[in-house]
Amino acid sequence: MIRIGVFSVLYAVPAGVVIGCLAYEAGGRESWMRRVACGPGCGDRPLYSALMLKYFMALAVGITSGVWIWSGKTLESWRRMWRGGRPPPPAHRALVKGAV
């Protein structure tokens, strides 16, 4: 349960920031385009930090998802798949049984 809670926070907060940055972009796009079309005196400039924050938080969402997916169980499943579905060697089975 703790792992799910930590994942939820580490996923929801950056995802919420990304949504906020997208809303900021949607709200300011017209003014920014006006500035591009008629010159520096016509419209506002976007905050560079807000635009970069969106990309950083999108990466944080991806990294959080990757950490959740690439656990020890996932890696063991991939090892088994590359061995052709054979069970682990006997010494490894003893270690796994002792850990459980």
C-alpha atoms as a PDB file:
ATOM      1  CA  MET A   1       0.000   0.000   0.000  1.00  0.00           C
ATOM      2  CA  ILE A   2       2.876   2.364   0.761  1.00  0.00           C
ATOM      3  CA  ARG A   3       4.361   1.737  -2.674  1.00  0.00           C
ATOM      4  CA  ILE A   4       1.038   2.530  -4.363  1.00  0.00           C
ATOM      5  CA  GLY A   5       0.679   5.715  -2.300  1.00  0.00           C
ATOM      6  CA  VAL A   6       4.176   6.928  -3.135  1.00  0.00           C
ATOM      7  CA  PHE A   7       3.664   6.109  -6.808  1.00  0.00           C
ATOM      8  CA  SER A   8       0.330   7.955  -6.817  1.00  0.00           C
ATOM      9  CA  VAL A   9       1.880  11.123  -5.415  1.00  0.00           C
ATOM     10  CA  LEU A  10       4.950  10.929  -7.642  1.00  0.00           C
ATOM     11  CA  TYR A  11       2.685  10.457 -10.660  1.00  0.00           C
ATOM     12  CA  ALA A  12      -0.230  12.767  -9.870  1.00  0.00           C
ATOM     13  CA  VAL A  13       1.744  15.865  -8.849  1.00  0.00           C
ATOM     14  CA  PRO A  14       3.886  16.075 -12.031  1.00  0.00           C
ATOM     15  CA  ALA A  15       0.867  15.162 -14.183  1.00  0.00           C
ATOM     16  CA  GLY A  16      -1.114  17.988 -12.553  1.00  0.00           C
ATOM     17  CA  VAL A  17       1.747  20.409 -13.214  1.00  0.00           C
ATOM     18  CA  VAL A  18       1.794  19.337 -16.877  1.00  0.00           C
ATOM     19  CA  ILE A  19      -1.961  19.989 -17.124  1.00  0.00           C
ATOM     20  CA  GLY A  20      -1.466  23.407 -15.515  1.00  0.00           C
ATOM     21  CA  CYS A  21       1.313  24.262 -17.988  1.00  0.00           C
ATOM     22  CA  LEU A  22      -0.896  23.191 -20.887  1.00  0.00           C
ATOM     23  CA  ALA A  23      -3.648  25.479 -19.591  1.00  0.00           C
ATOM     24  CA  TYR A  24      -1.102  28.315 -19.339  1.00  0.00           C
ATOM     25  CA  GLU A  25      -0.064  27.698 -22.946  1.00  0.00           C
ATOM     26  CA  ALA A  26      -3.652  27.586 -24.161  1.00  0.00           C
ATOM     27  CA  GLY A  27      -4.505  30.809 -22.355  1.00  0.00           C
ATOM     28  CA  GLY A  28      -1.516  32.759 -23.633  1.00  0.00           C
ATOM     29  CA  ARG A  29      -1.160  31.407 -27.168  1.00  0.00           C
ATOM     30  CA  GLU A  30      -3.165  34.172 -28.836  1.00  0.00           C
ATOM     31  CA  SER A  31      -1.164  36.949 -27.178  1.00  0.00           C
ATOM     32  CA  TRP A  32       2.116  35.213 -27.976  1.00  0.00           C
ATOM     33  CA  MET A  33       1.152  34.787 -31.616  1.00  0.00           C
ATOM     34  CA  ARG A  34       0.138  38.443 -31.804  1.00  0.00           C
ATOM     35  CA  ARG A  35       3.618  39.382 -30.572  1.00  0.00           C
ATOM     36  CA  VAL A  36       5.197  37.220 -33.281  1.00  0.00           C
ATOM     37  CA  ALA A  37       2.946  38.681 -35.977  1.00  0.00           C
ATOM     38  CA  CYS A  38       3.205  42.410 -35.258  1.00  0.00           C
ATOM     39  CA  GLY A  39       6.322  42.871 -33.131  1.00  0.00           C
ATOM     40  CA  PRO A  40       7.542  43.233 -29.538  1.00  0.00           C
ATOM     41  CA  GLY A  41       5.041  45.932 -28.497  1.00  0.00           C
ATOM     42  CA  CYS A  42       1.887  44.013 -29.417  1.00  0.00           C
ATOM     43  CA  GLY A  43       1.701  41.046 -27.074  1.00  0.00           C
ATOM     44  CA  ASP A  44       3.151  39.276 -24.078  1.00  0.00           C
ATOM     45  CA  ARG A  45       6.118  36.949 -23.932  1.00  0.00           C
ATOM     46  CA  PRO A  46       5.673  33.432 -22.565  1.00  0.00           C
ATOM     47  CA  LEU A  47       7.507  32.452 -19.412  1.00  0.00           C
ATOM     48  CA  TYR A  48      10.354  30.247 -20.552  1.00  0.00           C
ATOM     49  CA  SER A  49      10.479  28.566 -17.146  1.00  0.00           C
ATOM     50  CA  ALA A  50       6.812  27.509 -17.385  1.00  0.00           C
ATOM     51  CA  LEU A  51       7.377  25.972 -20.797  1.00  0.00           C
ATOM     52  CA  MET A  52      10.468  24.075 -19.625  1.00  0.00           C
ATOM     53  CA  LEU A  53       8.695  22.977 -16.452  1.00  0.00           C
ATOM     54  CA  LYS A  54       6.115  21.200 -18.615  1.00  0.00           C
ATOM     55  CA  TYR A  55       8.799  19.094 -20.297  1.00  0.00           C
ATOM     56  CA  PHE A  56      10.626  18.368 -17.058  1.00  0.00           C
ATOM     57  CA  MET A  57       7.440  17.221 -15.346  1.00  0.00           C
ATOM     58  CA  ALA A  58       6.504  15.077 -18.346  1.00  0.00           C
ATOM     59  CA  LEU A  59       9.873  13.365 -17.934  1.00  0.00           C
ATOM     60  CA  ALA A  60       9.204  12.946 -14.210  1.00  0.00           C
ATOM     61  CA  VAL A  61       5.916  11.189 -14.998  1.00  0.00           C
ATOM     62  CA  GLY A  62       7.737   8.858 -17.382  1.00  0.00           C
ATOM     63  CA  ILE A  63      10.540   8.123 -14.925  1.00  0.00           C
ATOM     64  CA  THR A  64       8.023   7.389 -12.171  1.00  0.00           C
ATOM     65  CA  SER A  65       6.184   4.971 -14.439  1.00  0.00           C
ATOM     66  CA  GLY A  66       9.452   3.330 -15.442  1.00  0.00           C
ATOM     67  CA  VAL A  67      10.483   2.815 -11.821  1.00  0.00           C
ATOM     68  CA  TRP A  68       7.106   1.226 -11.110  1.00  0.00           C
ATOM     69  CA  ILE A  69       7.298  -1.104 -14.120  1.00  0.00           C
ATOM     70  CA  TRP A  70      10.983  -2.080 -13.957  1.00  0.00           C
ATOM     71  CA  SER A  71      10.937  -3.776 -10.586  1.00  0.00           C
ATOM     72  CA  GLY A  72      12.843  -6.924  -9.617  1.00  0.00           C
ATOM     73  CA  LYS A  73       9.883  -9.088 -10.602  1.00  0.00           C
ATOM     74  CA  THR A  74       9.868  -7.582 -14.092  1.00  0.00           C
ATOM     75  CA  LEU A  75      13.577  -8.167 -14.549  1.00  0.00           C
ATOM     76  CA  GLU A  76      13.224 -11.770 -13.385  1.00  0.00           C
ATOM     77  CA  SER A  77      10.382 -12.289 -15.885  1.00  0.00           C
ATOM     78  CA  TRP A  78      12.599 -10.974 -18.688  1.00  0.00           C
ATOM     79  CA  ARG A  79      15.454 -13.266 -17.588  1.00  0.00           C
ATOM     80  CA  ARG A  80      13.081 -16.231 -17.663  1.00  0.00           C
ATOM     81  CA  MET A  81      11.831 -15.241 -21.103  1.00  0.00           C
ATOM     82  CA  TRP A  82      15.369 -15.038 -22.511  1.00  0.00           C
ATOM     83  CA  ARG A  83      16.180 -18.463 -21.037  1.00  0.00           C
ATOM     84  CA  GLY A  84      13.233 -19.897 -22.959  1.00  0.00           C
ATOM     85  CA  GLY A  85      10.876 -20.212 -20.012  1.00  0.00           C
ATOM     86  CA  ARG A  86      13.127 -22.659 -18.148  1.00  0.00           C
ATOM     87  CA  PRO A  87      13.085 -22.425 -14.364  1.00  0.00           C
ATOM     88  CA  PRO A  88      16.092 -20.852 -12.639  1.00  0.00           C
ATOM     89  CA  PRO A  89      19.096 -23.043 -11.757  1.00  0.00           C
ATOM     90  CA  PRO A  90      18.788 -25.080  -8.508  1.00  0.00           C
ATOM     91  CA  ALA A  91      21.106 -22.811  -6.484  1.00  0.00           C
ATOM     92  CA  HIS A  92      18.992 -19.797  -7.400  1.00  0.00           C
ATOM     93  CA  ARG A  93      15.772 -21.581  -6.410  1.00  0.00           C
ATOM     94  CA  ALA A  94      17.194 -22.256  -2.944  1.00  0.00           C
ATOM     95  CA  LEU A  95      18.012 -18.566  -2.519  1.00  0.00           C
ATOM     96  CA  VAL A  96      14.554 -17.526  -3.645  1.00  0.00           C
ATOM     97  CA  LYS A  97      12.839 -19.988  -1.297  1.00  0.00           C
ATOM     98  CA  GLY A  98      14.984 -18.791   1.600  1.00  0.00           C
ATOM     99  CA  ALA A  99      14.039 -15.183   0.904  1.00  0.00           C
ATOM    100  CA  VAL A 100      10.320 -15.913   0.985  1.00  0.00           C
END
